[in-house]
Structure formats: structure tokens, C-alpha cells
C-alpha atoms as a PDB file:
ATOM      1  CA  MET A   1     -80.324 128.582-113.015  1.00  0.00           C
ATOM      2  CA  PHE A   2     -76.523 128.183-113.227  1.00  0.00           C
ATOM      3  CA  VAL A   3     -73.699 129.664-111.475  1.00  0.00           C
ATOM      4  CA  SER A   4     -70.131 129.308-111.971  1.00  0.00           C
ATOM      5  CA  CYS A   5     -67.904 129.214-108.956  1.00  0.00           C
ATOM      6  CA  ASP A   6     -66.346 132.626-110.386  1.00  0.00           C
ATOM      7  CA  GLY A   7     -69.613 134.160-110.155  1.00  0.00           C
ATOM      8  CA  SER A   8     -70.422 134.446-113.754  1.00  0.00           C
ATOM      9  CA  ALA A   9     -73.929 132.957-114.747  1.00  0.00           C
ATOM     10  CA  CYS A  10     -72.442 130.809-117.976  1.00  0.00           C
ATOM     11  CA  SER A  11     -69.131 128.240-118.253  1.00  0.00           C
ATOM     12  CA  ASP A  12     -67.504 127.132-121.836  1.00  0.00           C
ATOM     13  CA  PHE A  13     -69.928 123.752-121.955  1.00  0.00           C
ATOM     14  CA  LYS A  14     -70.038 123.489-125.955  1.00  0.00           C
ATOM     15  CA  GLY A  15     -69.517 120.232-126.846  1.00  0.00           C
ATOM     16  CA  PHE A  16     -69.305 118.890-123.454  1.00  0.00           C
ATOM     17  CA  MET A  17     -71.370 115.643-122.366  1.00  0.00           C
ATOM     18  CA  LEU A  18     -73.465 116.170-119.562  1.00  0.00           C
ATOM     19  CA  LEU A  19     -73.437 113.389-117.125  1.00  0.00           C
ATOM     20  CA  MET A  20     -76.045 113.624-114.057  1.00  0.00           C
ATOM     21  CA  PRO A  21     -78.206 111.293-112.021  1.00  0.00           C
ATOM     22  CA  ALA A  22     -81.772 110.632-111.724  1.00  0.00           C
ATOM     23  CA  VAL A  23     -83.214 111.168-107.848  1.00  0.00           C
ATOM     24  CA  SER A  24     -84.474 106.911-108.031  1.00  0.00           C
ATOM     25  CA  VAL A  25     -84.691 103.742-106.218  1.00  0.00           C
ATOM     26  CA  GLY A  26     -81.485 103.488-104.096  1.00  0.00           C
ATOM     27  CA  ASN A  27     -79.966 106.346-104.693  1.00  0.00           C
ATOM     28  CA  VAL A  28     -78.231 104.399-107.320  1.00  0.00           C
ATOM     29  CA  GLY A  29     -77.611 107.388-109.918  1.00  0.00           C
ATOM     30  CA  GLN A  30     -76.246 109.563-107.253  1.00  0.00           C
ATOM     31  CA  LEU A  31     -73.939 107.041-106.234  1.00  0.00           C
ATOM     32  CA  ALA A  32     -72.223 105.945-109.476  1.00  0.00           C
ATOM     33  CA  VAL A  33     -71.897 109.735-110.110  1.00  0.00           C
ATOM     34  CA  ASP A  34     -70.095 110.167-107.141  1.00  0.00           C
ATOM     35  CA  LEU A  35     -67.653 107.441-108.122  1.00  0.00           C
ATOM     36  CA  VAL A  36     -67.138 108.985-111.213  1.00  0.00           C
ATOM     37  CA  ILE A  37     -66.268 112.611-109.674  1.00  0.00           C
ATOM     38  CA  SER A  38     -63.991 110.818-107.068  1.00  0.00           C
ATOM     39  CA  THR A  39     -62.013 108.607-109.474  1.00  0.00           C
ATOM     40  CA  VAL A  40     -61.530 111.219-112.476  1.00  0.00           C
ATOM     41  CA  GLY A  41     -60.537 113.658-110.072  1.00  0.00           C
ATOM     42  CA  MET A  42     -63.415 116.229-111.492  1.00  0.00           C
ATOM     43  CA  SER A  43     -62.807 120.272-110.158  1.00  0.00           C
ATOM     44  CA  LYS A  44     -66.266 121.848-108.803  1.00  0.00           C
ATOM     45  CA  VAL A  45     -66.669 124.518-111.458  1.00  0.00           C
ATOM     46  CA  GLY A  46     -70.214 126.176-110.320  1.00  0.00           C
ATOM     47  CA  TYR A  47     -73.721 125.064-109.080  1.00  0.00           C
ATOM     48  CA  PHE A  48     -77.497 125.171-109.606  1.00  0.00           C
ATOM     49  CA  TYR A  49     -79.613 127.858-107.474  1.00  0.00           C
ATOM     50  CA  THR A  50     -83.178 126.356-107.837  1.00  0.00           C
ATOM     51  CA  ASP A  51     -86.256 126.244-105.849  1.00  0.00           C
ATOM     52  CA  CYS A  52     -87.390 122.560-107.170  1.00  0.00           C
ATOM     53  CA  LEU A  53     -84.894 120.785-104.869  1.00  0.00           C
ATOM     54  CA  VAL A  54     -84.905 120.512-101.010  1.00  0.00           C
ATOM     55  CA  PRO A  55     -82.337 122.764 -99.720  1.00  0.00           C
ATOM     56  CA  MET A  56     -79.510 121.509 -97.968  1.00  0.00           C
ATOM     57  CA  VAL A  57     -76.156 121.808 -97.576  1.00  0.00           C
ATOM     58  CA  GLY A  58     -72.886 119.704 -96.013  1.00  0.00           C
ATOM     59  CA  ASN A  59     -69.413 119.346 -95.995  1.00  0.00           C
ATOM     60  CA  ASN A  60     -67.220 118.366 -99.106  1.00  0.00           C
ATOM     61  CA  PRO A  61     -68.020 114.946-100.185  1.00  0.00           C
ATOM     62  CA  TYR A  62     -65.110 114.530-102.060  1.00  0.00           C
ATOM     63  CA  ALA A  63     -62.312 115.556 -99.354  1.00  0.00           C
ATOM     64  CA  THR A  64     -58.645 114.131 -99.400  1.00  0.00           C
ATOM     65  CA  THR A  65     -57.089 116.281 -96.721  1.00  0.00           C
ATOM     66  CA  GLU A  66     -58.576 117.731 -93.243  1.00  0.00           C
ATOM     67  CA  GLU A  67     -57.978 121.756 -95.099  1.00  0.00           C
ATOM     68  CA  ASN A  68     -60.825 120.756 -98.060  1.00  0.00           C
ATOM     69  CA  ALA A  69     -62.815 118.559 -95.827  1.00  0.00           C
ATOM     70  CA  THR A  70     -64.400 122.105 -94.322  1.00  0.00           C
ATOM     71  CA  GLU A  71     -65.721 123.025 -97.872  1.00  0.00           C
ATOM     72  CA  LEU A  72     -69.303 123.112 -98.257  1.00  0.00           C
ATOM     73  CA  CYS A  73     -71.454 121.542-100.943  1.00  0.00           C
ATOM     74  CA  THR A  74     -75.202 122.336-101.746  1.00  0.00           C
ATOM     75  CA  ASN A  75     -77.947 120.056-103.411  1.00  0.00           C
ATOM     76  CA  ALA A  76     -76.786 120.692-107.127  1.00  0.00           C
ATOM     77  CA  GLU A  77     -73.438 120.838-107.883  1.00  0.00           C
ATOM     78  CA  VAL A  78     -71.666 121.228-111.414  1.00  0.00           C
ATOM     79  CA  TYR A  79     -68.440 119.604-111.928  1.00  0.00           C
ATOM     80  CA  ALA A  80     -66.105 119.169-114.731  1.00  0.00           C
ATOM     81  CA  ALA A  81     -62.621 117.763-116.698  1.00  0.00           C
ATOM     82  CA  PRO A  82     -62.384 119.545-119.378  1.00  0.00           C
ATOM     83  CA  SER A  83     -59.551 116.709-120.851  1.00  0.00           C
ATOM     84  CA  LYS A  84     -62.453 114.541-120.977  1.00  0.00           C
ATOM     85  CA  GLN A  85     -64.889 117.012-122.374  1.00  0.00           C
ATOM     86  CA  LEU A  86     -66.871 115.639-119.779  1.00  0.00           C
ATOM     87  CA  ALA A  87     -69.589 118.018-116.865  1.00  0.00           C
ATOM     88  CA  VAL A  88     -71.415 116.564-114.542  1.00  0.00           C
ATOM     89  CA  LEU A  89     -74.371 117.416-112.025  1.00  0.00           C
ATOM     90  CA  GLN A  90     -74.778 116.118-108.648  1.00  0.00           C
ATOM     91  CA  ILE A  91     -77.915 115.955-107.043  1.00  0.00           C
ATOM     92  CA  ARG A  92     -77.928 115.687-103.401  1.00  0.00           C
ATOM     93  CA  SER A  93     -81.689 116.371-102.462  1.00  0.00           C
ATOM     94  CA  LEU A  94     -85.308 115.563-103.557  1.00  0.00           C
ATOM     95  CA  PHE A  95     -87.092 117.184-105.701  1.00  0.00           C
ATOM     96  CA  ILE A  96     -90.204 119.489-103.979  1.00  0.00           C
ATOM     97  CA  LYS A  97     -93.356 118.485-105.263  1.00  0.00           C
ATOM     98  CA  ASN A  98     -94.782 119.351-108.394  1.00  0.00           C
ATOM     99  CA  LYS A  99     -91.544 121.066-109.377  1.00  0.00           C
ATOM    100  CA  TYR A 100     -90.733 118.042-111.563  1.00  0.00           C
ATOM    101  CA  ARG A 101     -91.583 119.683-114.963  1.00  0.00           C
ATOM    102  CA  SER A 102     -90.225 123.041-113.873  1.00  0.00           C
ATOM    103  CA  PHE A 103     -86.710 121.772-112.994  1.00  0.00           C
ATOM    104  CA  CYS A 104     -86.532 119.565-116.754  1.00  0.00           C
ATOM    105  CA  GLN A 105     -87.355 122.433-118.656  1.00  0.00           C
ATOM    106  CA  THR A 106     -85.124 124.753-117.271  1.00  0.00           C
ATOM    107  CA  LEU A 107     -82.433 122.097-116.949  1.00  0.00           C
ATOM    108  CA  LEU A 108     -83.231 121.584-120.801  1.00  0.00           C
ATOM    109  CA  SER A 109     -82.803 125.195-121.690  1.00  0.00           C
ATOM    110  CA  TRP A 110     -79.312 125.530-120.093  1.00  0.00           C
ATOM    111  CA  VAL A 111     -78.012 122.507-121.964  1.00  0.00           C
ATOM    112  CA  LYS A 112     -79.238 123.801-125.156  1.00  0.00           C
ATOM    113  CA  SER A 113     -77.833 127.149-124.206  1.00  0.00           C
ATOM    114  CA  CYS A 114     -74.582 125.779-123.290  1.00  0.00           C
ATOM    115  CA  SER A 115     -74.228 123.560-126.239  1.00  0.00           C
ATOM    116  CA  PHE A 116     -73.966 120.307-124.776  1.00  0.00           C
ATOM    117  CA  ALA A 117     -73.665 117.584-126.837  1.00  0.00           C
ATOM    118  CA  LYS A 118     -75.477 115.268-125.318  1.00  0.00           C
ATOM    119  CA  ILE A 119     -77.030 114.289-121.663  1.00  0.00           C
ATOM    120  CA  VAL A 120     -76.529 110.798-120.300  1.00  0.00           C
ATOM    121  CA  LEU A 121     -78.796 110.199-117.297  1.00  0.00           C
ATOM    122  CA  LEU A 122     -78.104 107.424-114.797  1.00  0.00           C
ATOM    123  CA  SER A 123     -80.886 105.753-112.950  1.00  0.00           C
ATOM    124  CA  SER A 124     -82.728 102.984-111.447  1.00  0.00           C
ATOM    125  CA  SER A 125     -86.148 101.267-111.175  1.00  0.00           C
ATOM    126  CA  HIS A 126     -87.828  98.925-109.025  1.00  0.00           C
ATOM    127  CA  ALA A 127     -86.526  95.584-109.566  1.00  0.00           C
ATOM    128  CA  TYR A 128     -90.120  94.136-107.545  1.00  0.00           C
ATOM    129  CA  GLN A 129     -92.265  95.873-110.732  1.00  0.00           C
ATOM    130  CA  ARG A 130     -90.178  94.420-113.669  1.00  0.00           C
ATOM    131  CA  ASN A 131     -92.561  92.808-116.286  1.00  0.00           C
ATOM    132  CA  ASP A 132     -91.632  88.945-117.640  1.00  0.00           C
ATOM    133  CA  GLN A 133     -89.607  89.913-120.516  1.00  0.00           C
ATOM    134  CA  GLN A 134     -87.225  92.136-118.114  1.00  0.00           C
ATOM    135  CA  LEU A 135     -86.766  89.160-115.502  1.00  0.00           C
ATOM    136  CA  HIS A 136     -84.644  87.512-118.110  1.00  0.00           C
ATOM    137  CA  GLY A 137     -80.794  88.271-118.424  1.00  0.00           C
ATOM    138  CA  THR A 138     -79.119  91.253-116.805  1.00  0.00           C
ATOM    139  CA  SER A 139     -80.295  93.861-114.796  1.00  0.00           C
ATOM    140  CA  LEU A 140     -79.185  96.820-116.950  1.00  0.00           C
ATOM    141  CA  ARG A 141     -80.897  98.592-119.726  1.00  0.00           C
ATOM    142  CA  TYR A 142     -80.701 101.490-121.341  1.00  0.00           C
ATOM    143  CA  LEU A 143     -82.551 104.229-123.381  1.00  0.00           C
ATOM    144  CA  LEU A 144     -82.291 106.523-126.479  1.00  0.00           C
ATOM    145  CA  SER A 145     -83.735 109.478-127.773  1.00  0.00           C
ATOM    146  CA  SER A 146     -83.911 109.548-131.318  1.00  0.00           C
ATOM    147  CA  ALA A 147     -81.526 112.560-132.053  1.00  0.00           C
ATOM    148  CA  VAL A 148     -78.742 109.929-130.911  1.00  0.00           C
ATOM    149  CA  GLU A 149     -80.647 106.594-131.793  1.00  0.00           C
ATOM    150  CA  LYS A 150     -78.542 105.352-134.825  1.00  0.00           C
ATOM    151  CA  ALA A 151     -74.974 106.250-133.591  1.00  0.00           C
ATOM    152  CA  VAL A 152     -75.216 105.083-129.968  1.00  0.00           C
ATOM    153  CA  GLY A 153     -77.818 102.385-131.006  1.00  0.00           C
ATOM    154  CA  GLU A 154     -74.905 100.459-132.952  1.00  0.00           C
ATOM    155  CA  GLN A 155     -72.197 101.037-129.794  1.00  0.00           C
ATOM    156  CA  MET A 156     -74.831  99.503-127.854  1.00  0.00           C
ATOM    157  CA  GLN A 157     -75.469  96.470-130.291  1.00  0.00           C
ATOM    158  CA  ARG A 158     -71.668  96.265-130.344  1.00  0.00           C
ATOM    159  CA  LEU A 159     -71.567  95.865-126.536  1.00  0.00           C
ATOM    160  CA  ASN A 160     -74.558  93.420-126.520  1.00  0.00           C
ATOM    161  CA  ARG A 161     -76.626  96.023-124.517  1.00  0.00           C
ATOM    162  CA  ARG A 162     -80.197  95.514-123.852  1.00  0.00           C
ATOM    163  CA  GLU A 163     -82.779  98.416-124.461  1.00  0.00           C
ATOM    164  CA  LEU A 164     -85.226  98.904-121.837  1.00  0.00           C
ATOM    165  CA  GLU A 165     -88.823  97.028-122.913  1.00  0.00           C
ATOM    166  CA  GLN A 166     -91.701  98.495-123.576  1.00  0.00           C
ATOM    167  CA  THR A 167     -95.376  97.546-121.301  1.00  0.00           C
ATOM    168  CA  ALA A 168     -98.772  97.615-122.761  1.00  0.00           C
ATOM    169  CA  ALA A 169    -100.183 101.181-121.546  1.00  0.00           C
ATOM    170  CA  PHE A 170    -103.739  99.670-120.884  1.00  0.00           C
ATOM    171  CA  PRO A 171    -103.013  95.490-120.760  1.00  0.00           C
ATOM    172  CA  GLY A 172    -106.380  93.873-122.684  1.00  0.00           C
ATOM    173  CA  VAL A 173    -107.444  97.002-123.855  1.00  0.00           C
ATOM    174  CA  THR A 174    -105.372  98.294-126.190  1.00  0.00           C
ATOM    175  CA  ASP A 175    -102.201  97.211-128.048  1.00  0.00           C
ATOM    176  CA  GLU A 176    -100.347 100.640-127.165  1.00  0.00           C
ATOM    177  CA  LYS A 177     -97.022 100.239-125.002  1.00  0.00           C
ATOM    178  CA  VAL A 178     -95.020 102.974-123.173  1.00  0.00           C
ATOM    179  CA  PHE A 179     -92.237 102.727-121.330  1.00  0.00           C
ATOM    180  CA  HIS A 180     -92.460 102.023-117.535  1.00  0.00           C
ATOM    181  CA  ILE A 181     -89.813 102.841-115.109  1.00  0.00           C
ATOM    182  CA  PRO A 182     -91.175 102.598-111.499  1.00  0.00           C
ATOM    183  CA  GLY A 183     -89.432 104.269-108.920  1.00  0.00           C
ATOM    184  CA  GLY A 184     -87.224 106.080-111.405  1.00  0.00           C
ATOM    185  CA  GLY A 185     -88.112 109.966-110.598  1.00  0.00           C
ATOM    186  CA  ILE A 186     -87.325 112.257-113.068  1.00  0.00           C
ATOM    187  CA  THR A 187     -85.902 109.957-115.560  1.00  0.00           C
ATOM    188  CA  LYS A 188     -89.222 109.251-117.945  1.00  0.00           C
ATOM    189  CA  LEU A 189     -90.444 113.222-118.015  1.00  0.00           C
ATOM    190  CA  LEU A 190     -86.695 114.377-118.574  1.00  0.00           C
ATOM    191  CA  PHE A 191     -86.316 111.509-121.829  1.00  0.00           C
ATOM    192  CA  THR A 192     -89.899 112.088-123.075  1.00  0.00           C
ATOM    193  CA  GLU A 193     -88.994 116.036-122.789  1.00  0.00           C
ATOM    194  CA  SER A 194     -85.592 115.452-124.353  1.00  0.00           C
ATOM    195  CA  CYS A 195     -87.602 113.443-127.128  1.00  0.00           C
ATOM    196  CA  SER A 196     -89.593 116.229-127.866  1.00  0.00           C
ATOM    197  CA  LYS A 197     -87.065 118.768-128.093  1.00  0.00           C
ATOM    198  CA  GLY A 198     -84.566 117.192-130.344  1.00  0.00           C
ATOM    199  CA  ILE A 199     -82.065 117.124-127.306  1.00  0.00           C
ATOM    200  CA  PRO A 200     -79.658 113.926-127.492  1.00  0.00           C
ATOM    201  CA  MET A 201     -80.252 111.799-124.433  1.00  0.00           C
ATOM    202  CA  ILE A 202     -79.004 108.000-123.144  1.00  0.00           C
ATOM    203  CA  VAL A 203     -80.449 106.626-120.439  1.00  0.00           C
ATOM    204  CA  LEU A 204     -78.312 103.675-118.249  1.00  0.00           C
ATOM    205  CA  LEU A 205     -80.519 102.330-115.500  1.00  0.00           C
ATOM    206  CA  LYS A 206     -80.787  99.426-113.418  1.00  0.00           C
ATOM    207  CA  PHE A 207     -83.451  97.431-111.814  1.00  0.00           C
ATOM    208  CA  CYS A 208     -82.873  97.502-108.314  1.00  0.00           C
ATOM    209  CA  SER A 209     -84.322  97.298-104.975  1.00  0.00           C
ATOM    210  CA  GLU A 210     -83.797  99.740-101.671  1.00  0.00           C
ATOM    211  CA  GLY A 211     -81.095  98.563 -99.301  1.00  0.00           C
ATOM    212  CA  ASP A 212     -77.190  98.358 -99.321  1.00  0.00           C
ATOM    213  CA  ASN A 213     -76.839  99.597-103.023  1.00  0.00           C
ATOM    214  CA  ILE A 214     -73.175 100.061-103.266  1.00  0.00           C
ATOM    215  CA  PRO A 215     -72.759  97.201-105.720  1.00  0.00           C
ATOM    216  CA  ASP A 216     -75.828  98.644-107.494  1.00  0.00           C
ATOM    217  CA  ALA A 217     -73.736 101.575-107.944  1.00  0.00           C
ATOM    218  CA  LEU A 218     -70.838 100.109-108.753  1.00  0.00           C
ATOM    219  CA  ALA A 219     -72.281  98.021-111.748  1.00  0.00           C
ATOM    220  CA  LEU A 220     -74.194 100.997-112.729  1.00  0.00           C
ATOM    221  CA  ALA A 221     -70.835 102.869-113.014  1.00  0.00           C
ATOM    222  CA  ASP A 222     -68.740 100.117-114.710  1.00  0.00           C
ATOM    223  CA  TYR A 223     -71.978  99.709-117.458  1.00  0.00           C
ATOM    224  CA  LEU A 224     -71.152 103.604-118.403  1.00  0.00           C
ATOM    225  CA  ASN A 225     -67.602 103.164-118.377  1.00  0.00           C
ATOM    226  CA  GLU A 226     -67.397  99.941-120.439  1.00  0.00           C
ATOM    227  CA  TRP A 227     -69.084 102.410-122.897  1.00  0.00           C
ATOM    228  CA  LEU A 228     -67.289 105.564-122.675  1.00  0.00           C
ATOM    229  CA  GLN A 229     -64.055 104.445-120.948  1.00  0.00           C
ATOM    230  CA  LEU A 230     -63.998 107.372-118.563  1.00  0.00           C
ATOM    231  CA  THR A 231     -61.413 105.950-116.433  1.00  0.00           C
ATOM    232  CA  ALA A 232     -58.695 103.065-116.523  1.00  0.00           C
ATOM    233  CA  ASN A 233     -58.174 100.570-113.940  1.00  0.00           C
ATOM    234  CA  GLN A 234     -56.803 101.906-110.788  1.00  0.00           C
ATOM    235  CA  VAL A 235     -56.206 101.036-106.914  1.00  0.00           C
ATOM    236  CA  LYS A 236     -59.275 101.059-105.101  1.00  0.00           C
ATOM    237  CA  VAL A 237     -59.643 103.196-102.192  1.00  0.00           C
ATOM    238  CA  CYS A 238     -61.996 102.319 -99.803  1.00  0.00           C
ATOM    239  CA  GLN A 239     -63.364 103.072 -96.326  1.00  0.00           C
ATOM    240  CA  PRO A 240     -63.297 100.574 -93.731  1.00  0.00           C
ATOM    241  CA  THR A 241     -67.124 101.027 -92.878  1.00  0.00           C
ATOM    242  CA  VAL A 242     -68.040 100.870 -96.337  1.00  0.00           C
ATOM    243  CA  ASN A 243     -69.162  96.888 -97.203  1.00  0.00           C
ATOM    244  CA  MET A 244     -67.320  96.162-100.593  1.00  0.00           C
ATOM    245  CA  GLU A 245     -67.825  92.090-100.042  1.00  0.00           C
ATOM    246  CA  SER A 246     -70.509  91.920-101.829  1.00  0.00           C
ATOM    247  CA  CYS A 247     -68.923  93.236-105.643  1.00  0.00           C
ATOM    248  CA  SER A 248     -69.858  91.085-107.834  1.00  0.00           C
ATOM    249  CA  SER A 249     -66.480  91.840-109.875  1.00  0.00           C
ATOM    250  CA  PRO A 250     -63.493  92.866-107.838  1.00  0.00           C
ATOM    251  CA  ALA A 251     -61.422  93.580-111.140  1.00  0.00           C
ATOM    252  CA  LYS A 252     -64.308  95.860-112.671  1.00  0.00           C
ATOM    253  CA  SER A 253     -64.794  98.034-109.206  1.00  0.00           C
ATOM    254  CA  SER A 254     -61.094  98.503-108.430  1.00  0.00           C
ATOM    255  CA  ARG A 255     -61.055 101.234-110.784  1.00  0.00           C
ATOM    256  CA  TRP A 256     -63.178 103.397-109.004  1.00  0.00           C
ATOM    257  CA  LYS A 257     -61.887 105.461-106.036  1.00  0.00           C
ATOM    258  CA  ILE A 258     -64.426 105.437-103.248  1.00  0.00           C
ATOM    259  CA  PRO A 259     -65.467 109.130-101.741  1.00  0.00           C
ATOM    260  CA  SER A 260     -64.752 109.982 -98.542  1.00  0.00           C
ATOM    261  CA  SER A 261     -68.162 110.661 -97.938  1.00  0.00           C
ATOM    262  CA  TRP A 262     -69.098 107.029 -97.977  1.00  0.00           C
ATOM    263  CA  LYS A 263     -67.712 106.082 -94.517  1.00  0.00           C
ATOM    264  CA  LEU A 264     -70.766 107.394 -92.975  1.00  0.00           C
ATOM    265  CA  LEU A 265     -73.126 105.861 -95.774  1.00  0.00           C
ATOM    266  CA  TYR A 266     -75.007 104.064 -93.245  1.00  0.00           C
ATOM    267  CA  GLY A 267     -74.422 105.794 -90.268  1.00  0.00           C
ATOM    268  CA  SER A 268     -71.646 105.842 -88.269  1.00  0.00           C
ATOM    269  CA  GLY A 269     -71.307 102.878 -86.545  1.00  0.00           C
ATOM    270  CA  LEU A 270     -72.150 101.372 -82.857  1.00  0.00           C
ATOM    271  CA  PRO A 271     -70.590 103.551 -79.873  1.00  0.00           C
ATOM    272  CA  PRO A 272     -67.819 101.569 -78.427  1.00  0.00           C
ATOM    273  CA  ALA A 273     -69.005 102.436 -74.778  1.00  0.00           C
ATOM    274  CA  LEU A 274     -72.265 100.223 -75.427  1.00  0.00           C
ATOM    275  CA  PHE A 275     -70.278  97.293 -74.970  1.00  0.00           C
END
């Protein structure tokens, strides 16, 4: 499934943390991962060859010069920052129907074979489907597999974070409670599979709605960075066509370098000839 840039079938990821997005509501996880790759300056080390995702190809989303702007990107690519022991799997297209489980099983097999220390999944869920408990306080939540519940749980408590609340599986019928993540894509399935295989996994998610999800992506990236300290404050590189006015915390968002591909996030604008 994984093919490195030098053509080999594996790379040395032992002890690395794997960061990846779920293809979920508002594409918030994918946008947040874009921010991490661009800001940390991660290098592409390979790609996933899979029939579980819709095929796609495009220009380099993190181009910094005219020369590297013509480099191609595909639907699932792997980036690495060895100094931080961080690997990132960026997913850029939709899952093919009935391929969710196959992708999760193959991914977790790769994670085990490469001896990753843990998986961090960035996701989102429909804000309009929150229960009463979830309407209070922050719109950010976390989930921990049993393999990291003690160690990471203590860190989350020190940061005053809220774990995702469970909801009744059959309200009024039984007392059974489950995690409900509407709009979360593969989040629940991948989390359940990781728990059953004993793979350390942390889910960070944000309740949101479809629309301009740049503020949601910045908030989720900040939520990740407050825990892992991946990047210090930096000068923000914004594209003029990206609307940053709705950023609620400029001091935090200023640490992120906006990818060059975001200048076309909502189209190319109206042609001047119309006026």
C-alpha cells in the first residue's frame, strides 16, 4: 500500500507518530493537516497506492516557487519530519463506497508493520447533531483508545480538555451508550478497529457546519499544537484571497503558514471583465 519516493516498499517510521485526517464534514481535518505540513516544512517521502479512494492528481499544494509548483500530488501522500518523529498521511479525495473497512484494515496493518508509536486522527462532526451535553462549552473534543488512555488522558486533563460524550444507543429502550460521530467519515470505524487491535490512537475533533471552514481548521490545528507543541509562533503567510477575518484568536493562528493552494480554496474569484 505504501510506496516510498525512492521506490522501496517501506521507510523507517519506528517510534514515529502518524498524523492523519478523516474525510469528514467541512474537510476540517484535511485543512488542519495542510497547515501542519506547510508550517513544519515536511518533506514528501511516499504515497499510498490504494483502490479505496477516488483517483485524483493535481499540482503541488505546498508550492513555494514556480519550479516546484509543477510537481504532482495524488490522493494519499505521506510526509515526514524526522527531527520531530512525525509522519503525516494526507488524504485528498473521497472514499469509494464499501471500501471504508478495507482501507482501515490495510492502514492499521501498515501502522503495525512500521512500528508507529501512535495514530492521531483529526476529524469533525455535524454541529447540528450534538446532544444536550455537547452544546455546552467548547466545540472541541477528544477520544482515546485504551492503549493510551492513562498516559495521554492525564495530559488532556491538565489541559482541561473534554472527552467526547457518549449517547444512548436506543433512547428509552436500553441504558447502552455509544460514541456517535455523524459526518465523521471513517472516524468511528478506525477508532473501533484500533481499540480492538490494541493500537494507540487519539482522535481530536471539532463540531462544525459546512461553509467557510478555515477558522475551524485553525482551531483544530491549535488544539493539536497546544498538546504536542509542533510549532512555535511564526509569521503567518496569508494569501490575499483567503478570508482570515473570522479567526477568533490571531495570536494562536499566527503560528500557521497558509499553503499556497488555499488561494483557490473557494474558486478563483470573479473575472474583472464582468465589470
